[in-house]
Amino acid sequence: MSATWRKWVWVGIVGLVGCRTTGSAGRDTPPEPTRQEVRFDGEMVTGDPELASLNDEELFAAGTSAFAAKEYAQAVRHFERLVDFHPQSPHRTGALYQAGLAHERLEQWEDAAARFSQLADAQKGTGDALEAAFRLAETQYHLERYTDAARLLATLADREDLPVGRRLEAQVQRGVCELESGQPERAETTLRQALAVYDALPDKDEVENYYPAQAHFFVGELYRLRYAEVKLDPAKGADTLANDLNYKAELLLSAQGNYLRAIRVGNGHWATAAGTQIGALYEDLYDQLVNSPAPKELDAEQAEIYREELRKKVHVLLTKSIDVYERTLEAAERIGSHNTFIDKTRQSLEKMKALLLQDEAPAPPQARPHS
């Protein structure tokens, strides 16, 4: 039922007092009420009386104008009035789609999904019905219905009648949803299949670079998550700690390799995001090493050697992190990229520079004993 109008029919049951009757004991007993059904006329609540005089052409034009001006709430009013009150209009399909987009801009995901679902056809749709299927998957993602979104995207990715770019888009987004739904192995398979399709293309311009860059980025994310699962615990002993550190470093390098591939694709958004994540990995490893005590089985001299070697590694991590952050910001400025990753990168860069200055500062002189 439309949100802009409702038809209410109230049914009242009125009990009328009848005549008294006498029971077997001769006492008065409560009368049995006579029941009568009373029906009131239906009431039509139209809402938005300001739009009542507009026809479908006027509503569509006004909605389109409001959307172009980024007045999304106004766009929703006009498009939804058209959809609900002009079901035979040739503009109804377009209004449905535009209403969904306007709800998206307002981050009204449930309302957007409701509109897109009226139009979406993932199996055979074209035009607005096809685009609505992609948008429906997007709204399901924001609603954290990852399994539903992945299922819809799998249908789109399997459509041989779609251009390779659209199938690749669906495949990559499907992999992201699988990762979010807690299926990292399946997500990696899906993402690598998408990248294999991209790598085999003789003309990479057939595909918008956003999606292969996103695929590389999220493969990097898979390795970053595995990196995060490896805990450095000195209580396990020096040998175990060394093995865990080496494995953690391997995972860091694997994540970094995939992030670098994302950067090389050349999409500004994912290049910035990937650079930020590389720097964050080095920053995280630095924090873990600095805050990790020496293994308990080391004596005082061995512990001092351990800390000295650790300090050298930490210094390398700091310089690498700073270098990556600086290059990321330079690239972002060059391509005019502005997103949340940029602010995060600037803050992290300043933090790492301060830590490097602290690391390079000479140790305070030891107090000499009095003679």
Protein backbone atom coordinates (compact mmCIF):
# COMPACT_ATOMS: atom_id res chain seq x y z
CA MET A 1 0.00 0.00 0.00
CA SER A 2 1.40 3.41 -0.93
CA ALA A 3 2.91 5.63 1.73
CA THR A 4 1.21 8.70 0.20
CA TRP A 5 -2.37 7.52 0.50
CA ARG A 6 -4.34 5.09 2.55
CA LYS A 7 -7.96 4.03 2.47
CA TRP A 8 -9.33 3.43 5.92
CA VAL A 9 -12.62 1.57 6.46
CA TRP A 10 -13.73 1.65 10.06
CA VAL A 11 -16.12 -1.06 11.22
CA GLY A 12 -17.88 -0.36 14.53
CA ILE A 13 -19.71 -2.92 16.59
CA VAL A 14 -22.34 -1.20 18.66
CA GLY A 15 -24.07 -3.15 21.49
CA LEU A 16 -27.66 -2.07 22.04
CA VAL A 17 -29.49 -2.86 25.27
CA GLY A 18 -32.45 -5.24 24.74
CA CYS A 19 -35.35 -6.20 26.99
CA ARG A 20 -34.73 -7.82 30.35
CA THR A 21 -35.42 -11.52 30.81
CA THR A 22 -36.20 -13.53 33.92
CA GLY A 23 -34.10 -16.54 34.88
CA SER A 24 -35.36 -19.85 36.31
CA ALA A 25 -34.84 -18.55 39.82
CA GLY A 26 -37.04 -15.59 39.10
CA ARG A 27 -34.11 -13.10 39.27
CA ASP A 28 -33.35 -10.59 36.57
CA THR A 29 -30.35 -11.62 34.43
CA PRO A 30 -28.27 -9.41 32.14
CA PRO A 31 -29.96 -9.07 28.78
CA GLU A 32 -28.35 -10.57 25.69
CA PRO A 33 -27.25 -7.58 23.60
CA THR A 34 -28.48 -7.16 20.08
CA ARG A 35 -25.45 -6.69 17.77
CA GLN A 36 -25.54 -4.32 14.84
CA GLU A 37 -22.77 -3.72 12.34
CA VAL A 38 -22.27 -0.10 11.36
CA ARG A 39 -20.09 0.71 8.34
CA PHE A 40 -18.65 4.13 7.64
CA ASP A 41 -17.73 5.31 4.17
CA GLY A 42 -14.11 4.85 3.12
CA GLU A 43 -11.89 7.87 3.57
CA MET A 44 -9.19 8.60 0.98
CA VAL A 45 -6.16 10.40 2.41
CA THR A 46 -4.17 11.72 -0.52
CA GLY A 47 -1.40 13.67 1.18
CA ASP A 48 0.73 16.29 -0.60
CA PRO A 49 -2.25 18.43 -1.67
CA GLU A 50 0.18 20.84 -3.34
CA LEU A 51 0.84 18.22 -6.01
CA ALA A 52 -2.75 17.16 -6.57
CA SER A 53 -3.24 19.51 -9.50
CA LEU A 54 -0.12 18.36 -11.40
CA ASN A 55 -0.37 15.82 -14.20
CA ASP A 56 2.22 13.12 -14.84
CA GLU A 57 4.24 15.24 -17.29
CA GLU A 58 4.49 18.06 -14.80
CA LEU A 59 5.35 15.73 -11.95
CA PHE A 60 8.13 14.04 -13.92
CA ALA A 61 9.59 17.36 -15.07
CA ALA A 62 9.51 18.79 -11.54
CA GLY A 63 11.06 15.63 -10.07
CA THR A 64 13.80 15.59 -12.68
CA SER A 65 14.58 19.25 -12.03
CA ALA A 66 14.69 18.73 -8.26
CA PHE A 67 16.99 15.71 -8.63
CA ALA A 68 19.37 17.70 -10.86
CA ALA A 69 19.45 20.43 -8.21
CA LYS A 70 20.23 17.78 -5.55
CA GLU A 71 16.93 18.51 -3.82
CA TYR A 72 16.33 14.82 -3.30
CA ALA A 73 13.43 15.06 -0.84
CA GLN A 74 11.52 17.18 -3.35
CA ALA A 75 12.40 14.73 -6.11
CA VAL A 76 10.97 11.89 -4.04
CA ARG A 77 7.69 13.79 -3.53
CA HIS A 78 7.14 14.34 -7.24
CA PHE A 79 8.29 10.95 -8.50
CA GLU A 80 6.31 9.00 -5.93
CA ARG A 81 3.18 11.05 -6.59
CA LEU A 82 3.52 10.09 -10.23
CA VAL A 83 4.10 6.42 -9.45
CA ASP A 84 1.16 6.15 -7.06
CA PHE A 85 -1.45 8.23 -8.88
CA HIS A 86 -0.57 7.76 -12.55
CA PRO A 87 -0.01 4.01 -12.99
CA GLN A 88 -0.59 4.20 -16.77
CA SER A 89 1.87 7.03 -17.35
CA PRO A 90 4.70 6.38 -19.83
CA HIS A 91 6.94 8.08 -17.24
CA ARG A 92 6.08 5.62 -14.44
CA THR A 93 9.09 3.34 -15.02
CA GLY A 94 11.51 6.25 -15.08
CA ALA A 95 9.87 7.77 -12.00
CA LEU A 96 10.22 4.49 -10.10
CA TYR A 97 13.92 4.33 -10.86
CA GLN A 98 14.54 8.01 -10.09
CA ALA A 99 12.60 7.74 -6.83
CA GLY A 100 14.88 4.87 -5.82
CA LEU A 101 17.96 6.93 -6.68
CA ALA A 102 16.67 9.91 -4.70
CA HIS A 103 16.08 7.69 -1.66
CA GLU A 104 19.63 6.39 -2.10
CA ARG A 105 21.05 9.92 -2.03
CA LEU A 106 19.16 10.45 1.21
CA GLU A 107 20.50 7.11 2.51
CA GLN A 108 16.94 5.89 2.93
CA TRP A 109 17.93 2.36 2.02
CA GLU A 110 14.67 0.57 2.83
CA ASP A 111 12.65 3.02 0.74
CA ALA A 112 15.19 2.78 -2.09
CA ALA A 113 15.02 -1.02 -2.02
CA ALA A 114 11.22 -0.92 -2.09
CA ARG A 115 11.21 1.19 -5.26
CA PHE A 116 14.00 -0.68 -7.03
CA SER A 117 12.41 -4.05 -6.25
CA GLN A 118 9.24 -2.98 -8.10
CA LEU A 119 11.29 -2.53 -11.25
CA ALA A 120 14.33 -4.83 -11.01
CA ASP A 121 14.73 -7.84 -13.31
CA ALA A 122 18.13 -9.45 -12.83
CA GLN A 123 17.52 -12.36 -15.20
CA LYS A 124 16.26 -10.64 -18.34
CA GLY A 125 15.88 -6.93 -17.62
CA THR A 126 17.23 -4.18 -19.82
CA GLY A 127 17.31 -0.41 -19.41
CA ASP A 128 15.89 0.80 -16.11
CA ALA A 129 14.92 -2.75 -15.09
CA LEU A 130 18.57 -3.83 -15.42
CA GLU A 131 19.93 -0.75 -13.66
CA ALA A 132 17.38 -1.24 -10.88
CA ALA A 133 18.71 -4.76 -10.31
CA PHE A 134 22.23 -3.38 -9.79
CA ARG A 135 20.89 -0.63 -7.53
CA LEU A 136 18.79 -3.12 -5.55
CA ALA A 137 21.93 -5.14 -4.83
CA GLU A 138 23.62 -1.94 -3.66
CA THR A 139 20.79 -1.10 -1.27
CA GLN A 140 20.81 -4.66 0.09
CA TYR A 141 24.53 -4.25 0.76
CA HIS A 142 23.87 -1.10 2.80
CA LEU A 143 21.10 -2.92 4.64
CA GLU A 144 23.64 -5.67 5.43
CA ARG A 145 21.65 -8.27 3.51
CA TYR A 146 24.85 -9.53 1.97
CA THR A 147 23.63 -12.99 1.00
CA ASP A 148 20.63 -11.57 -0.87
CA ALA A 149 22.85 -9.06 -2.63
CA ALA A 150 25.39 -11.72 -3.61
CA ARG A 151 22.66 -13.96 -5.01
CA LEU A 152 21.27 -11.14 -7.14
CA LEU A 153 24.74 -10.18 -8.38
CA ALA A 154 25.54 -13.80 -9.27
CA THR A 155 22.52 -13.82 -11.58
CA LEU A 156 23.73 -10.62 -13.24
CA ALA A 157 27.31 -11.88 -13.55
CA ASP A 158 26.13 -15.03 -15.36
CA ARG A 159 24.22 -13.16 -18.07
CA GLU A 160 26.04 -13.70 -21.35
CA ASP A 161 23.92 -11.03 -23.05
CA LEU A 162 25.47 -8.27 -20.92
CA PRO A 163 28.65 -6.42 -21.92
CA VAL A 164 31.78 -7.73 -20.24
CA GLY A 165 32.08 -4.56 -18.18
CA ARG A 166 28.70 -5.05 -16.54
CA ARG A 167 29.36 -8.73 -15.86
CA LEU A 168 32.71 -7.83 -14.31
CA GLU A 169 31.04 -5.17 -12.17
CA ALA A 170 28.52 -7.72 -10.88
CA GLN A 171 31.24 -10.29 -10.22
CA VAL A 172 33.42 -7.90 -8.23
CA GLN A 173 30.52 -6.59 -6.17
CA ARG A 174 29.44 -10.17 -5.53
CA GLY A 175 32.91 -10.94 -4.13
CA VAL A 176 32.70 -7.94 -1.81
CA CYS A 177 29.31 -9.10 -0.50
CA GLU A 178 30.66 -12.62 0.04
CA LEU A 179 33.52 -11.21 2.08
CA GLU A 180 31.13 -9.11 4.16
CA SER A 181 28.93 -12.15 4.76
CA GLY A 182 31.85 -14.05 6.33
CA GLN A 183 32.89 -16.19 3.35
CA PRO A 184 36.48 -15.10 2.64
CA GLU A 185 37.47 -18.19 0.63
CA ARG A 186 34.48 -17.90 -1.66
CA ALA A 187 35.08 -14.15 -1.95
CA GLU A 188 38.68 -14.69 -3.02
CA THR A 189 37.63 -17.19 -5.69
CA THR A 190 35.00 -14.79 -7.03
CA LEU A 191 37.36 -11.81 -7.07
CA ARG A 192 40.20 -13.72 -8.73
CA GLN A 193 37.80 -15.01 -11.41
CA ALA A 194 36.82 -11.43 -12.13
CA LEU A 195 40.47 -10.38 -12.37
CA ALA A 196 41.22 -13.30 -14.71
CA VAL A 197 38.48 -12.04 -17.04
CA TYR A 198 39.93 -8.53 -16.89
CA ASP A 199 43.51 -9.70 -17.49
CA ALA A 200 42.40 -11.68 -20.56
CA LEU A 201 40.79 -8.65 -22.21
CA PRO A 202 42.76 -7.47 -25.26
CA ASP A 203 41.29 -4.00 -24.78
CA LYS A 204 41.17 -2.97 -21.12
CA ASP A 205 39.17 0.14 -22.05
CA GLU A 206 36.12 -2.12 -22.43
CA VAL A 207 35.89 -2.09 -18.65
CA GLU A 208 35.65 0.86 -16.27
CA ASN A 209 38.86 0.77 -14.20
CA TYR A 210 36.92 1.21 -10.95
CA TYR A 211 36.00 -2.49 -10.76
CA PRO A 212 39.33 -4.25 -11.42
CA ALA A 213 40.95 -1.79 -9.00
CA GLN A 214 38.27 -2.64 -6.43
CA ALA A 215 38.88 -6.36 -6.97
CA HIS A 216 42.64 -6.00 -6.36
CA PHE A 217 41.93 -3.85 -3.30
CA PHE A 218 39.64 -6.43 -1.73
CA VAL A 219 42.03 -9.30 -2.41
CA GLY A 220 44.49 -7.12 -0.48
CA GLU A 221 41.87 -6.80 2.25
CA LEU A 222 41.63 -10.59 2.48
CA TYR A 223 45.36 -10.80 3.20
CA ARG A 224 45.15 -7.87 5.61
CA LEU A 225 42.48 -9.73 7.60
CA ARG A 226 44.66 -12.84 7.69
CA TYR A 227 47.59 -10.67 8.80
CA ALA A 228 45.46 -9.30 11.64
CA GLU A 229 44.65 -12.82 12.85
CA VAL A 230 48.33 -13.59 13.56
CA LYS A 231 49.09 -12.46 17.12
CA LEU A 232 52.64 -11.81 18.30
CA ASP A 233 52.91 -13.33 21.77
CA PRO A 234 56.37 -13.34 23.41
CA ALA A 235 55.05 -15.71 26.07
CA LYS A 236 55.12 -18.48 23.45
CA GLY A 237 58.91 -18.28 23.29
CA ALA A 238 61.51 -16.75 20.97
CA ASP A 239 61.28 -19.41 18.24
CA THR A 240 57.48 -19.26 17.98
CA LEU A 241 57.59 -15.47 18.08
CA ALA A 242 60.14 -15.40 15.24
CA ASN A 243 58.02 -17.78 13.13
CA ASP A 244 54.86 -15.79 13.77
CA LEU A 245 56.62 -12.54 12.92
CA ASN A 246 57.94 -13.98 9.66
CA TYR A 247 54.49 -15.29 8.71
CA LYS A 248 52.88 -11.98 9.61
CA ALA A 249 55.44 -10.16 7.45
CA GLU A 250 54.68 -12.50 4.54
CA LEU A 251 50.97 -11.73 4.81
CA LEU A 252 51.75 -8.02 4.98
CA LEU A 253 53.77 -8.27 1.76
CA SER A 254 50.98 -10.24 0.06
CA ALA A 255 48.44 -7.61 1.07
CA GLN A 256 50.80 -4.87 -0.08
CA GLY A 257 51.29 -6.59 -3.45
CA ASN A 258 47.56 -6.62 -4.13
CA TYR A 259 47.13 -3.04 -2.96
CA LEU A 260 49.93 -2.00 -5.34
CA ARG A 261 48.13 -3.77 -8.19
CA ALA A 262 45.03 -1.76 -7.31
CA ILE A 263 47.10 1.42 -7.52
CA ARG A 264 48.54 0.46 -10.92
CA VAL A 265 45.07 0.05 -12.43
CA GLY A 266 44.82 3.81 -12.20
CA ASN A 267 41.51 4.48 -10.49
CA GLY A 268 41.84 7.46 -8.15
CA HIS A 269 39.50 6.27 -5.42
CA TRP A 270 40.97 2.80 -5.02
CA ALA A 271 44.55 3.99 -5.52
CA THR A 272 44.13 6.33 -2.56
CA ALA A 273 42.43 3.67 -0.47
CA ALA A 274 45.14 1.13 -1.26
CA GLY A 275 47.97 3.52 -0.41
CA THR A 276 46.31 4.32 2.89
CA GLN A 277 45.98 0.62 3.75
CA ILE A 278 49.64 -0.10 2.94
CA GLY A 279 50.76 2.67 5.26
CA ALA A 280 48.35 1.45 7.93
CA LEU A 281 49.82 -2.06 7.75
CA TYR A 282 53.32 -0.78 8.47
CA GLU A 283 51.94 1.44 11.19
CA ASP A 284 50.16 -1.50 12.81
CA LEU A 285 53.23 -3.73 12.72
CA TYR A 286 55.26 -0.89 14.23
CA ASP A 287 52.78 -0.59 17.10
CA GLN A 288 52.86 -4.32 17.76
CA LEU A 289 56.65 -4.52 17.78
CA VAL A 290 57.10 -1.48 19.98
CA ASN A 291 54.60 -2.75 22.52
CA SER A 292 55.89 -6.32 22.52
CA PRO A 293 58.09 -7.30 25.50
CA ALA A 294 61.16 -9.47 25.05
CA PRO A 295 60.67 -13.24 25.33
CA LYS A 296 61.01 -14.33 28.93
CA GLU A 297 63.74 -16.91 28.29
CA LEU A 298 66.24 -14.22 27.22
CA ASP A 299 68.71 -13.04 29.82
CA ALA A 300 69.46 -9.34 30.31
CA GLU A 301 72.19 -9.20 27.64
CA GLN A 302 70.13 -11.14 25.10
CA ALA A 303 67.09 -8.98 25.82
CA GLU A 304 69.15 -5.85 25.13
CA ILE A 305 70.33 -7.29 21.79
CA TYR A 306 66.72 -8.22 21.00
CA ARG A 307 65.52 -4.68 21.69
CA GLU A 308 68.30 -3.18 19.57
CA GLU A 309 67.43 -5.41 16.60
CA LEU A 310 63.78 -4.60 17.13
CA ARG A 311 64.56 -0.87 17.12
CA LYS A 312 66.23 -1.24 13.71
CA LYS A 313 63.20 -3.02 12.31
CA VAL A 314 60.88 -0.42 13.78
CA HIS A 315 62.90 2.37 12.17
CA VAL A 316 62.54 0.69 8.77
CA LEU A 317 58.79 0.29 9.28
CA LEU A 318 58.43 3.96 10.19
CA THR A 319 60.28 5.17 7.10
CA LYS A 320 58.36 2.81 4.82
CA SER A 321 55.05 3.93 6.26
CA ILE A 322 55.94 7.61 5.83
CA ASP A 323 57.10 7.03 2.25
CA VAL A 324 53.85 5.26 1.31
CA TYR A 325 51.67 7.90 2.98
CA GLU A 326 53.52 10.75 1.24
CA ARG A 327 53.27 9.11 -2.18
CA THR A 328 49.58 8.42 -1.61
CA LEU A 329 48.89 12.07 -0.81
CA GLU A 330 50.93 13.25 -3.79
CA ALA A 331 48.95 10.98 -6.10
CA ALA A 332 45.66 12.12 -4.55
CA GLU A 333 46.56 15.78 -5.12
CA ARG A 334 47.62 15.03 -8.69
CA ILE A 335 44.31 13.42 -9.62
CA GLY A 336 42.16 15.66 -7.42
CA SER A 337 40.87 12.82 -5.26
CA HIS A 338 38.92 13.78 -2.15
CA ASN A 339 37.57 11.08 0.17
CA THR A 340 37.75 9.83 3.74
CA PHE A 341 40.98 7.97 3.00
CA ILE A 342 42.77 11.28 2.36
CA ASP A 343 42.01 12.72 5.81
CA LYS A 344 42.96 9.43 7.46
CA THR A 345 46.25 9.36 5.52
CA ARG A 346 47.22 12.91 6.54
CA GLN A 347 46.60 12.14 10.20
CA SER A 348 48.61 8.93 10.03
CA LEU A 349 51.47 10.64 8.20
CA GLU A 350 51.83 13.25 10.94
CA LYS A 351 51.76 10.55 13.60
CA MET A 352 54.48 8.51 11.86
CA LYS A 353 56.70 11.56 11.35
CA ALA A 354 56.47 12.40 15.05
CA LEU A 355 57.37 8.83 15.97
CA LEU A 356 60.32 8.84 13.59
CA LEU A 357 61.68 12.04 15.14
CA GLN A 358 61.27 10.46 18.55
CA ASP A 359 63.06 7.30 17.35
CA GLU A 360 65.97 9.27 15.90
CA ALA A 361 66.43 11.50 18.95
CA PRO A 362 69.64 10.69 20.84
CA ALA A 363 69.22 8.90 24.12
CA PRO A 364 69.63 11.13 27.19
CA PRO A 365 73.13 10.93 28.71
CA GLN A 366 73.57 8.63 31.65
CA ALA A 367 74.25 10.41 34.94
CA ARG A 368 77.86 10.00 36.00
CA PRO A 369 78.40 8.69 39.54
CA HIS A 370 79.93 11.10 42.05
CA SER A 371 83.53 10.35 42.92
